[in-house]
Amino acid sequence: RQAPGKGPERVSTINTGGSTRYYLDSV
């Protein structure tokens, strides 16, 4: 995600099979 005037943030990532997930601390 990217808000106006701010840099991009990685909100979440999921691996190929859906078994491993990453989340930004704030979400």
mmCIF file of all heavy atoms, coordinates in Angstrom:
data_MODEL
# 
_entry.id   MODEL 
# 
loop_
_atom_site.group_PDB 
_atom_site.id 
_atom_site.type_symbol 
_atom_site.label_atom_id 
_atom_site.label_alt_id 
_atom_site.label_comp_id 
_atom_site.label_asym_id 
_atom_site.label_entity_id 
_atom_site.label_seq_id 
_atom_site.pdbx_PDB_ins_code 
_atom_site.Cartn_x 
_atom_site.Cartn_y 
_atom_site.Cartn_z 
_atom_site.occupancy 
_atom_site.B_iso_or_equiv 
_atom_site.pdbx_formal_charge 
_atom_site.auth_seq_id 
_atom_site.auth_comp_id 
_atom_site.auth_asym_id 
_atom_site.auth_atom_id 
_atom_site.pdbx_PDB_model_num 
ATOM 1   N N   . ARG A 1 1  ? 0.830  -1.198  0.000  1.00 0.00 ? 1  ARG A N   1 
ATOM 2   C CA  . ARG A 1 1  ? 0.000  0.000   0.000  1.00 0.00 ? 1  ARG A CA  1 
ATOM 3   C C   . ARG A 1 1  ? 0.868  1.253   0.000  1.00 0.00 ? 1  ARG A C   1 
ATOM 4   O O   . ARG A 1 1  ? 2.004  1.240   0.461  1.00 0.00 ? 1  ARG A O   1 
ATOM 5   C CB  . ARG A 1 1  ? -0.955 0.019   1.196  1.00 0.00 ? 1  ARG A CB  1 
ATOM 6   C CG  . ARG A 1 1  ? -0.291 0.260   2.542  1.00 0.00 ? 1  ARG A CG  1 
ATOM 7   C CD  . ARG A 1 1  ? -1.307 0.154   3.677  1.00 0.00 ? 1  ARG A CD  1 
ATOM 8   N NE  . ARG A 1 1  ? -0.711 0.452   4.969  1.00 0.00 ? 1  ARG A NE  1 
ATOM 9   C CZ  . ARG A 1 1  ? -1.329 0.291   6.137  1.00 0.00 ? 1  ARG A CZ  1 
ATOM 10  N NH1 . ARG A 1 1  ? -2.574 -0.175  6.175  1.00 0.00 ? 1  ARG A NH1 1 
ATOM 11  N NH2 . ARG A 1 1  ? -0.710 0.593   7.268  1.00 0.00 ? 1  ARG A NH2 1 
ATOM 12  N N   . GLN A 1 2  ? 0.298  2.339   -0.525 1.00 0.00 ? 2  GLN A N   1 
ATOM 13  C CA  . GLN A 1 2  ? 0.996  3.611   -0.549 1.00 0.00 ? 2  GLN A CA  1 
ATOM 14  C C   . GLN A 1 2  ? 0.002  4.743   -0.343 1.00 0.00 ? 2  GLN A C   1 
ATOM 15  O O   . GLN A 1 2  ? -0.959 4.884   -1.099 1.00 0.00 ? 2  GLN A O   1 
ATOM 16  C CB  . GLN A 1 2  ? 1.758  3.805   -1.859 1.00 0.00 ? 2  GLN A CB  1 
ATOM 17  C CG  . GLN A 1 2  ? 2.676  5.012   -1.850 1.00 0.00 ? 2  GLN A CG  1 
ATOM 18  C CD  . GLN A 1 2  ? 3.701  4.978   -2.970 1.00 0.00 ? 2  GLN A CD  1 
ATOM 19  O OE1 . GLN A 1 2  ? 3.488  4.340   -3.995 1.00 0.00 ? 2  GLN A OE1 1 
ATOM 20  N NE2 . GLN A 1 2  ? 4.813  5.660   -2.761 1.00 0.00 ? 2  GLN A NE2 1 
ATOM 21  N N   . ALA A 1 3  ? 0.228  5.548   0.687  1.00 0.00 ? 3  ALA A N   1 
ATOM 22  C CA  . ALA A 1 3  ? -0.588 6.720   0.965  1.00 0.00 ? 3  ALA A CA  1 
ATOM 23  C C   . ALA A 1 3  ? 0.031  7.933   0.276  1.00 0.00 ? 3  ALA A C   1 
ATOM 24  O O   . ALA A 1 3  ? 1.238  7.963   0.025  1.00 0.00 ? 3  ALA A O   1 
ATOM 25  C CB  . ALA A 1 3  ? -0.678 6.950   2.467  1.00 0.00 ? 3  ALA A CB  1 
ATOM 26  N N   . PRO A 1 4  ? -0.769 8.967   -0.023 1.00 0.00 ? 4  PRO A N   1 
ATOM 27  C CA  . PRO A 1 4  ? -0.236 10.158  -0.686 1.00 0.00 ? 4  PRO A CA  1 
ATOM 28  C C   . PRO A 1 4  ? 0.924  10.776  0.081  1.00 0.00 ? 4  PRO A C   1 
ATOM 29  O O   . PRO A 1 4  ? 0.845  10.976  1.295  1.00 0.00 ? 4  PRO A O   1 
ATOM 30  C CB  . PRO A 1 4  ? -1.431 11.109  -0.716 1.00 0.00 ? 4  PRO A CB  1 
ATOM 31  C CG  . PRO A 1 4  ? -2.620 10.208  -0.700 1.00 0.00 ? 4  PRO A CG  1 
ATOM 32  C CD  . PRO A 1 4  ? -2.224 9.056   0.180  1.00 0.00 ? 4  PRO A CD  1 
ATOM 33  N N   . GLY A 1 5  ? 2.026  11.048  -0.610 1.00 0.00 ? 5  GLY A N   1 
ATOM 34  C CA  . GLY A 1 5  ? 3.186  11.672  -0.004 1.00 0.00 ? 5  GLY A CA  1 
ATOM 35  C C   . GLY A 1 5  ? 4.042  10.765  0.848  1.00 0.00 ? 5  GLY A C   1 
ATOM 36  O O   . GLY A 1 5  ? 4.995  11.238  1.482  1.00 0.00 ? 5  GLY A O   1 
ATOM 37  N N   . LYS A 1 6  ? 3.720  9.473   0.885  1.00 0.00 ? 6  LYS A N   1 
ATOM 38  C CA  . LYS A 1 6  ? 4.478  8.527   1.696  1.00 0.00 ? 6  LYS A CA  1 
ATOM 39  C C   . LYS A 1 6  ? 5.032  7.394   0.839  1.00 0.00 ? 6  LYS A C   1 
ATOM 40  O O   . LYS A 1 6  ? 4.567  7.151   -0.274 1.00 0.00 ? 6  LYS A O   1 
ATOM 41  C CB  . LYS A 1 6  ? 3.606  7.964   2.815  1.00 0.00 ? 6  LYS A CB  1 
ATOM 42  C CG  . LYS A 1 6  ? 3.120  9.010   3.790  1.00 0.00 ? 6  LYS A CG  1 
ATOM 43  C CD  . LYS A 1 6  ? 2.750  8.409   5.118  1.00 0.00 ? 6  LYS A CD  1 
ATOM 44  C CE  . LYS A 1 6  ? 2.501  9.485   6.159  1.00 0.00 ? 6  LYS A CE  1 
ATOM 45  N NZ  . LYS A 1 6  ? 2.294  8.915   7.506  1.00 0.00 ? 6  LYS A NZ  1 
ATOM 46  N N   . GLY A 1 7  ? 6.023  6.709   1.359  1.00 0.00 ? 7  GLY A N   1 
ATOM 47  C CA  . GLY A 1 7  ? 6.608  5.585   0.666  1.00 0.00 ? 7  GLY A CA  1 
ATOM 48  C C   . GLY A 1 7  ? 5.747  4.341   0.766  1.00 0.00 ? 7  GLY A C   1 
ATOM 49  O O   . GLY A 1 7  ? 4.830  4.265   1.591  1.00 0.00 ? 7  GLY A O   1 
ATOM 50  N N   . PRO A 1 8  ? 6.022  3.345   -0.075 1.00 0.00 ? 8  PRO A N   1 
ATOM 51  C CA  . PRO A 1 8  ? 5.230  2.115   -0.037 1.00 0.00 ? 8  PRO A CA  1 
ATOM 52  C C   . PRO A 1 8  ? 5.500  1.298   1.223  1.00 0.00 ? 8  PRO A C   1 
ATOM 53  O O   . PRO A 1 8  ? 6.599  1.341   1.783  1.00 0.00 ? 8  PRO A O   1 
ATOM 54  C CB  . PRO A 1 8  ? 5.698  1.367   -1.285 1.00 0.00 ? 8  PRO A CB  1 
ATOM 55  C CG  . PRO A 1 8  ? 7.088  1.860   -1.520 1.00 0.00 ? 8  PRO A CG  1 
ATOM 56  C CD  . PRO A 1 8  ? 7.077  3.306   -1.097 1.00 0.00 ? 8  PRO A CD  1 
ATOM 57  N N   . GLU A 1 9  ? 4.491  0.549   1.651  1.00 0.00 ? 9  GLU A N   1 
ATOM 58  C CA  . GLU A 1 9  ? 4.603  -0.367  2.776  1.00 0.00 ? 9  GLU A CA  1 
ATOM 59  C C   . GLU A 1 9  ? 4.183  -1.760  2.332  1.00 0.00 ? 9  GLU A C   1 
ATOM 60  O O   . GLU A 1 9  ? 3.193  -1.906  1.622  1.00 0.00 ? 9  GLU A O   1 
ATOM 61  C CB  . GLU A 1 9  ? 3.688  0.044   3.926  1.00 0.00 ? 9  GLU A CB  1 
ATOM 62  C CG  . GLU A 1 9  ? 4.007  1.361   4.584  1.00 0.00 ? 9  GLU A CG  1 
ATOM 63  C CD  . GLU A 1 9  ? 3.056  1.642   5.728  1.00 0.00 ? 9  GLU A CD  1 
ATOM 64  O OE1 . GLU A 1 9  ? 1.830  1.717   5.481  1.00 0.00 ? 9  GLU A OE1 1 
ATOM 65  O OE2 . GLU A 1 9  ? 3.534  1.773   6.869  1.00 0.00 ? 9  GLU A OE2 1 
ATOM 66  N N   . ARG A 1 10 ? 4.912  -2.766  2.776  1.00 0.00 ? 10 ARG A N   1 
ATOM 67  C CA  . ARG A 1 10 ? 4.496  -4.146  2.532  1.00 0.00 ? 10 ARG A CA  1 
ATOM 68  C C   . ARG A 1 10 ? 3.478  -4.537  3.592  1.00 0.00 ? 10 ARG A C   1 
ATOM 69  O O   . ARG A 1 10 ? 3.817  -4.664  4.773  1.00 0.00 ? 10 ARG A O   1 
ATOM 70  C CB  . ARG A 1 10 ? 5.681  -5.106  2.551  1.00 0.00 ? 10 ARG A CB  1 
ATOM 71  C CG  . ARG A 1 10 ? 5.241  -6.564  2.320  1.00 0.00 ? 10 ARG A CG  1 
ATOM 72  C CD  . ARG A 1 10 ? 6.376  -7.499  1.992  1.00 0.00 ? 10 ARG A CD  1 
ATOM 73  N NE  . ARG A 1 10 ? 7.384  -7.622  3.023  1.00 0.00 ? 10 ARG A NE  1 
ATOM 74  C CZ  . ARG A 1 10 ? 7.810  -8.780  3.516  1.00 0.00 ? 10 ARG A CZ  1 
ATOM 75  N NH1 . ARG A 1 10 ? 7.292  -9.927  3.082  1.00 0.00 ? 10 ARG A NH1 1 
ATOM 76  N NH2 . ARG A 1 10 ? 8.769  -8.786  4.424  1.00 0.00 ? 10 ARG A NH2 1 
ATOM 77  N N   . VAL A 1 11 ? 2.238  -4.708  3.183  1.00 0.00 ? 11 VAL A N   1 
ATOM 78  C CA  . VAL A 1 11 ? 1.154  -5.011  4.106  1.00 0.00 ? 11 VAL A CA  1 
ATOM 79  C C   . VAL A 1 11 ? 1.171  -6.479  4.507  1.00 0.00 ? 11 VAL A C   1 
ATOM 80  O O   . VAL A 1 11 ? 1.027  -6.813  5.688  1.00 0.00 ? 11 VAL A O   1 
ATOM 81  C CB  . VAL A 1 11 ? -0.205 -4.654  3.472  1.00 0.00 ? 11 VAL A CB  1 
ATOM 82  C CG1 . VAL A 1 11 ? -1.353 -5.044  4.397  1.00 0.00 ? 11 VAL A CG1 1 
ATOM 83  C CG2 . VAL A 1 11 ? -0.253 -3.163  3.142  1.00 0.00 ? 11 VAL A CG2 1 
ATOM 84  N N   . SER A 1 12 ? 1.347  -7.358  3.514  1.00 0.00 ? 12 SER A N   1 
ATOM 85  C CA  . SER A 1 12 ? 1.267  -8.788  3.784  1.00 0.00 ? 12 SER A CA  1 
ATOM 86  C C   . SER A 1 12 ? 1.876  -9.577  2.642  1.00 0.00 ? 12 SER A C   1 
ATOM 87  O O   . SER A 1 12 ? 1.891  -9.124  1.498  1.00 0.00 ? 12 SER A O   1 
ATOM 88  C CB  . SER A 1 12 ? -0.200 -9.205  3.982  1.00 0.00 ? 12 SER A CB  1 
ATOM 89  O OG  . SER A 1 12 ? -0.304 -10.535 4.444  1.00 0.00 ? 12 SER A OG  1 
ATOM 90  N N   . THR A 1 13 ? 2.387  -10.769 2.949  1.00 0.00 ? 13 THR A N   1 
ATOM 91  C CA  . THR A 1 13 ? 2.932  -11.702 1.967  1.00 0.00 ? 13 THR A CA  1 
ATOM 92  C C   . THR A 1 13 ? 2.460  -13.108 2.296  1.00 0.00 ? 13 THR A C   1 
ATOM 93  O O   . THR A 1 13 ? 2.337  -13.464 3.472  1.00 0.00 ? 13 THR A O   1 
ATOM 94  C CB  . THR A 1 13 ? 4.472  -11.662 1.955  1.00 0.00 ? 13 THR A CB  1 
ATOM 95  O OG1 . THR A 1 13 ? 4.926  -10.362 1.551  1.00 0.00 ? 13 THR A OG1 1 
ATOM 96  C CG2 . THR A 1 13 ? 5.056  -12.698 0.998  1.00 0.00 ? 13 THR A CG2 1 
ATOM 97  N N   . ILE A 1 14 ? 2.209  -13.903 1.262  1.00 0.00 ? 14 ILE A N   1 
ATOM 98  C CA  . ILE A 1 14 ? 1.803  -15.290 1.434  1.00 0.00 ? 14 ILE A CA  1 
ATOM 99  C C   . ILE A 1 14 ? 2.633  -16.174 0.513  1.00 0.00 ? 14 ILE A C   1 
ATOM 100 O O   . ILE A 1 14 ? 2.915  -15.799 -0.626 1.00 0.00 ? 14 ILE A O   1 
ATOM 101 C CB  . ILE A 1 14 ? 0.285  -15.456 1.167  1.00 0.00 ? 14 ILE A CB  1 
ATOM 102 C CG1 . ILE A 1 14 ? -0.193 -16.861 1.530  1.00 0.00 ? 14 ILE A CG1 1 
ATOM 103 C CG2 . ILE A 1 14 ? -0.055 -15.107 -0.279 1.00 0.00 ? 14 ILE A CG2 1 
ATOM 104 C CD1 . ILE A 1 14 ? -1.717 -16.977 1.564  1.00 0.00 ? 14 ILE A CD1 1 
ATOM 105 N N   . ASN A 1 15 ? 3.043  -17.337 0.992  1.00 0.00 ? 15 ASN A N   1 
ATOM 106 C CA  . ASN A 1 15 ? 3.834  -18.242 0.174  1.00 0.00 ? 15 ASN A CA  1 
ATOM 107 C C   . ASN A 1 15 ? 2.943  -19.001 -0.805 1.00 0.00 ? 15 ASN A C   1 
ATOM 108 O O   . ASN A 1 15 ? 1.726  -18.848 -0.814 1.00 0.00 ? 15 ASN A O   1 
ATOM 109 C CB  . ASN A 1 15 ? 4.668  -19.184 1.051  1.00 0.00 ? 15 ASN A CB  1 
ATOM 110 C CG  . ASN A 1 15 ? 3.844  -20.266 1.722  1.00 0.00 ? 15 ASN A CG  1 
ATOM 111 O OD1 . ASN A 1 15 ? 2.661  -20.094 1.987  1.00 0.00 ? 15 ASN A OD1 1 
ATOM 112 N ND2 . ASN A 1 15 ? 4.481  -21.397 2.000  1.00 0.00 ? 15 ASN A ND2 1 
ATOM 113 N N   . THR A 1 16 ? 3.573  -19.825 -1.637 1.00 0.00 ? 16 THR A N   1 
ATOM 114 C CA  . THR A 1 16 ? 2.854  -20.451 -2.747 1.00 0.00 ? 16 THR A CA  1 
ATOM 115 C C   . THR A 1 16 ? 1.679  -21.318 -2.311 1.00 0.00 ? 16 THR A C   1 
ATOM 116 O O   . THR A 1 16 ? 0.623  -21.312 -2.950 1.00 0.00 ? 16 THR A O   1 
ATOM 117 C CB  . THR A 1 16 ? 3.809  -21.298 -3.601 1.00 0.00 ? 16 THR A CB  1 
ATOM 118 O OG1 . THR A 1 16 ? 4.469  -22.266 -2.777 1.00 0.00 ? 16 THR A OG1 1 
ATOM 119 C CG2 . THR A 1 16 ? 4.853  -20.419 -4.274 1.00 0.00 ? 16 THR A CG2 1 
ATOM 120 N N   . GLY A 1 17 ? 1.853  -22.062 -1.222 1.00 0.00 ? 17 GLY A N   1 
ATOM 121 C CA  . GLY A 1 17 ? 0.812  -22.954 -0.744 1.00 0.00 ? 17 GLY A CA  1 
ATOM 122 C C   . GLY A 1 17 ? -0.121 -22.346 0.281  1.00 0.00 ? 17 GLY A C   1 
ATOM 123 O O   . GLY A 1 17 ? -1.102 -22.980 0.677  1.00 0.00 ? 17 GLY A O   1 
ATOM 124 N N   . GLY A 1 18 ? 0.176  -21.135 0.738  1.00 0.00 ? 18 GLY A N   1 
ATOM 125 C CA  . GLY A 1 18 ? -0.674 -20.459 1.705  1.00 0.00 ? 18 GLY A CA  1 
ATOM 126 C C   . GLY A 1 18 ? -0.412 -20.829 3.155  1.00 0.00 ? 18 GLY A C   1 
ATOM 127 O O   . GLY A 1 18 ? -1.178 -20.429 4.037  1.00 0.00 ? 18 GLY A O   1 
ATOM 128 N N   . SER A 1 19 ? 0.665  -21.545 3.418  1.00 0.00 ? 19 SER A N   1 
ATOM 129 C CA  . SER A 1 19 ? 0.947  -22.002 4.775  1.00 0.00 ? 19 SER A CA  1 
ATOM 130 C C   . SER A 1 19 ? 1.774  -21.020 5.599  1.00 0.00 ? 19 SER A C   1 
ATOM 131 O O   . SER A 1 19 ? 1.802  -21.122 6.827  1.00 0.00 ? 19 SER A O   1 
ATOM 132 C CB  . SER A 1 19 ? 1.659  -23.356 4.746  1.00 0.00 ? 19 SER A CB  1 
ATOM 133 O OG  . SER A 1 19 ? 2.900  -23.256 4.070  1.00 0.00 ? 19 SER A OG  1 
ATOM 134 N N   . THR A 1 20 ? 2.464  -20.078 4.944  1.00 0.00 ? 20 THR A N   1 
ATOM 135 C CA  . THR A 1 20 ? 3.309  -19.114 5.632  1.00 0.00 ? 20 THR A CA  1 
ATOM 136 C C   . THR A 1 20 ? 2.865  -17.706 5.258  1.00 0.00 ? 20 THR A C   1 
ATOM 137 O O   . THR A 1 20 ? 2.711  -17.395 4.077  1.00 0.00 ? 20 THR A O   1 
ATOM 138 C CB  . THR A 1 20 ? 4.791  -19.310 5.272  1.00 0.00 ? 20 THR A CB  1 
ATOM 139 O OG1 . THR A 1 20 ? 5.185  -20.634 5.617  1.00 0.00 ? 20 THR A OG1 1 
ATOM 140 C CG2 . THR A 1 20 ? 5.668  -18.313 6.015  1.00 0.00 ? 20 THR A CG2 1 
ATOM 141 N N   . ARG A 1 21 ? 2.675  -16.852 6.271  1.00 0.00 ? 21 ARG A N   1 
ATOM 142 C CA  . ARG A 1 21 ? 2.179  -15.491 6.050  1.00 0.00 ? 21 ARG A CA  1 
ATOM 143 C C   . ARG A 1 21 ? 3.005  -14.482 6.824  1.00 0.00 ? 21 ARG A C   1 
ATOM 144 O O   . ARG A 1 21 ? 3.445  -14.739 7.945  1.00 0.00 ? 21 ARG A O   1 
ATOM 145 C CB  . ARG A 1 21 ? 0.713  -15.379 6.467  1.00 0.00 ? 21 ARG A CB  1 
ATOM 146 C CG  . ARG A 1 21 ? -0.235 -16.251 5.670  1.00 0.00 ? 21 ARG A CG  1 
ATOM 147 C CD  . ARG A 1 21 ? -1.598 -16.313 6.323  1.00 0.00 ? 21 ARG A CD  1 
ATOM 148 N NE  . ARG A 1 21 ? -2.579 -17.014 5.513  1.00 0.00 ? 21 ARG A NE  1 
ATOM 149 C CZ  . ARG A 1 21 ? -2.758 -18.330 5.524  1.00 0.00 ? 21 ARG A CZ  1 
ATOM 150 N NH1 . ARG A 1 21 ? -2.009 -19.101 6.313  1.00 0.00 ? 21 ARG A NH1 1 
ATOM 151 N NH2 . ARG A 1 21 ? -3.689 -18.875 4.754  1.00 0.00 ? 21 ARG A NH2 1 
ATOM 152 N N   . TYR A 1 22 ? 3.204  -13.309 6.213  1.00 0.00 ? 22 TYR A N   1 
ATOM 153 C CA  . TYR A 1 22 ? 3.831  -12.162 6.844  1.00 0.00 ? 22 TYR A CA  1 
ATOM 154 C C   . TYR A 1 22 ? 2.816  -11.026 6.919  1.00 0.00 ? 22 TYR A C   1 
ATOM 155 O O   . TYR A 1 22 ? 2.043  -10.817 5.980  1.00 0.00 ? 22 TYR A O   1 
ATOM 156 C CB  . TYR A 1 22 ? 5.057  -11.696 6.039  1.00 0.00 ? 22 TYR A CB  1 
ATOM 157 C CG  . TYR A 1 22 ? 5.438  -10.271 6.328  1.00 0.00 ? 22 TYR A CG  1 
ATOM 158 C CD1 . TYR A 1 22 ? 6.291  -9.953  7.378  1.00 0.00 ? 22 TYR A CD1 1 
ATOM 159 C CD2 . TYR A 1 22 ? 4.916  -9.223  5.565  1.00 0.00 ? 22 TYR A CD2 1 
ATOM 160 C CE1 . TYR A 1 22 ? 6.618  -8.639  7.656  1.00 0.00 ? 22 TYR A CE1 1 
ATOM 161 C CE2 . TYR A 1 22 ? 5.244  -7.905  5.840  1.00 0.00 ? 22 TYR A CE2 1 
ATOM 162 C CZ  . TYR A 1 22 ? 6.095  -7.623  6.890  1.00 0.00 ? 22 TYR A CZ  1 
ATOM 163 O OH  . TYR A 1 22 ? 6.417  -6.326  7.164  1.00 0.00 ? 22 TYR A OH  1 
ATOM 164 N N   . TYR A 1 23 ? 2.832  -10.268 8.036  1.00 0.00 ? 23 TYR A N   1 
ATOM 165 C CA  . TYR A 1 23 ? 2.004  -9.078  8.171  1.00 0.00 ? 23 TYR A CA  1 
ATOM 166 C C   . TYR A 1 23 ? 2.812  -7.911  8.723  1.00 0.00 ? 23 TYR A C   1 
ATOM 167 O O   . TYR A 1 23 ? 3.634  -8.081  9.631  1.00 0.00 ? 23 TYR A O   1 
ATOM 168 C CB  . TYR A 1 23 ? 0.826  -9.316  9.112  1.00 0.00 ? 23 TYR A CB  1 
ATOM 169 C CG  . TYR A 1 23 ? -0.160 -10.342 8.617  1.00 0.00 ? 23 TYR A CG  1 
ATOM 170 C CD1 . TYR A 1 23 ? -0.130 -11.646 9.091  1.00 0.00 ? 23 TYR A CD1 1 
ATOM 171 C CD2 . TYR A 1 23 ? -1.124 -10.001 7.673  1.00 0.00 ? 23 TYR A CD2 1 
ATOM 172 C CE1 . TYR A 1 23 ? -1.036 -12.589 8.632  1.00 0.00 ? 23 TYR A CE1 1 
ATOM 173 C CE2 . TYR A 1 23 ? -2.031 -10.937 7.209  1.00 0.00 ? 23 TYR A CE2 1 
ATOM 174 C CZ  . TYR A 1 23 ? -1.982 -12.229 7.695  1.00 0.00 ? 23 TYR A CZ  1 
ATOM 175 O OH  . TYR A 1 23 ? -2.885 -13.158 7.237  1.00 0.00 ? 23 TYR A OH  1 
ATOM 176 N N   . LEU A 1 24 ? 2.558  -6.732  8.184  1.00 0.00 ? 24 LEU A N   1 
ATOM 177 C CA  . LEU A 1 24 ? 3.058  -5.494  8.763  1.00 0.00 ? 24 LEU A CA  1 
ATOM 178 C C   . LEU A 1 24 ? 2.550  -5.399  10.206 1.00 0.00 ? 24 LEU A C   1 
ATOM 179 O O   . LEU A 1 24 ? 1.390  -5.716  10.482 1.00 0.00 ? 24 LEU A O   1 
ATOM 180 C CB  . LEU A 1 24 ? 2.540  -4.322  7.936  1.00 0.00 ? 24 LEU A CB  1 
ATOM 181 C CG  . LEU A 1 24 ? 2.955  -2.913  8.276  1.00 0.00 ? 24 LEU A CG  1 
ATOM 182 C CD1 . LEU A 1 24 ? 4.434  -2.704  8.012  1.00 0.00 ? 24 LEU A CD1 1 
ATOM 183 C CD2 . LEU A 1 24 ? 2.124  -1.928  7.456  1.00 0.00 ? 24 LEU A CD2 1 
ATOM 184 N N   . ASP A 1 25 ? 3.409  -4.973  11.133 1.00 0.00 ? 25 ASP A N   1 
ATOM 185 C CA  . ASP A 1 25 ? 3.029  -4.937  12.544 1.00 0.00 ? 25 ASP A CA  1 
ATOM 186 C C   . ASP A 1 25 ? 1.726  -4.178  12.790 1.00 0.00 ? 25 ASP A C   1 
ATOM 187 O O   . ASP A 1 25 ? 0.903  -4.598  13.607 1.00 0.00 ? 25 ASP A O   1 
ATOM 188 C CB  . ASP A 1 25 ? 4.146  -4.313  13.383 1.00 0.00 ? 25 ASP A CB  1 
ATOM 189 C CG  . ASP A 1 25 ? 5.299  -5.261  13.632 1.00 0.00 ? 25 ASP A CG  1 
ATOM 190 O OD1 . ASP A 1 25 ? 5.151  -6.473  13.394 1.00 0.00 ? 25 ASP A OD1 1 
ATOM 191 O OD2 . ASP A 1 25 ? 6.359  -4.783  14.072 1.00 0.00 ? 25 ASP A OD2 1 
ATOM 192 N N   . SER A 1 26 ? 1.527  -3.077  12.103 1.00 0.00 ? 26 SER A N   1 
ATOM 193 C CA  . SER A 1 26 ? 0.368  -2.231  12.350 1.00 0.00 ? 26 SER A CA  1 
ATOM 194 C C   . SER A 1 26 ? -0.957 -2.844  11.883 1.00 0.00 ? 26 SER A C   1 
ATOM 195 O O   . SER A 1 26 ? -2.017 -2.351  12.256 1.00 0.00 ? 26 SER A O   1 
ATOM 196 C CB  . SER A 1 26 ? 0.556  -0.859  11.701 1.00 0.00 ? 26 SER A CB  1 
ATOM 197 O OG  . SER A 1 26 ? 0.683  -0.970  10.296 1.00 0.00 ? 26 SER A OG  1 
ATOM 198 N N   . VAL A 1 27 ? -0.910 -3.908  11.081 1.00 0.00 ? 27 VAL A N   1 
ATOM 199 C CA  . VAL A 1 27 ? -2.141 -4.557  10.620 1.00 0.00 ? 27 VAL A CA  1 
ATOM 200 C C   . VAL A 1 27 ? -2.325 -5.944  11.210 1.00 0.00 ? 27 VAL A C   1 
ATOM 201 O O   . VAL A 1 27 ? -3.381 -6.561  11.013 1.00 0.00 ? 27 VAL A O   1 
ATOM 202 C CB  . VAL A 1 27 ? -2.216 -4.638  9.079  1.00 0.00 ? 27 VAL A CB  1 
ATOM 203 C CG1 . VAL A 1 27 ? -1.920 -3.289  8.450  1.00 0.00 ? 27 VAL A CG1 1 
ATOM 204 C CG2 . VAL A 1 27 ? -1.284 -5.714  8.531  1.00 0.00 ? 27 VAL A CG2 1 
# 
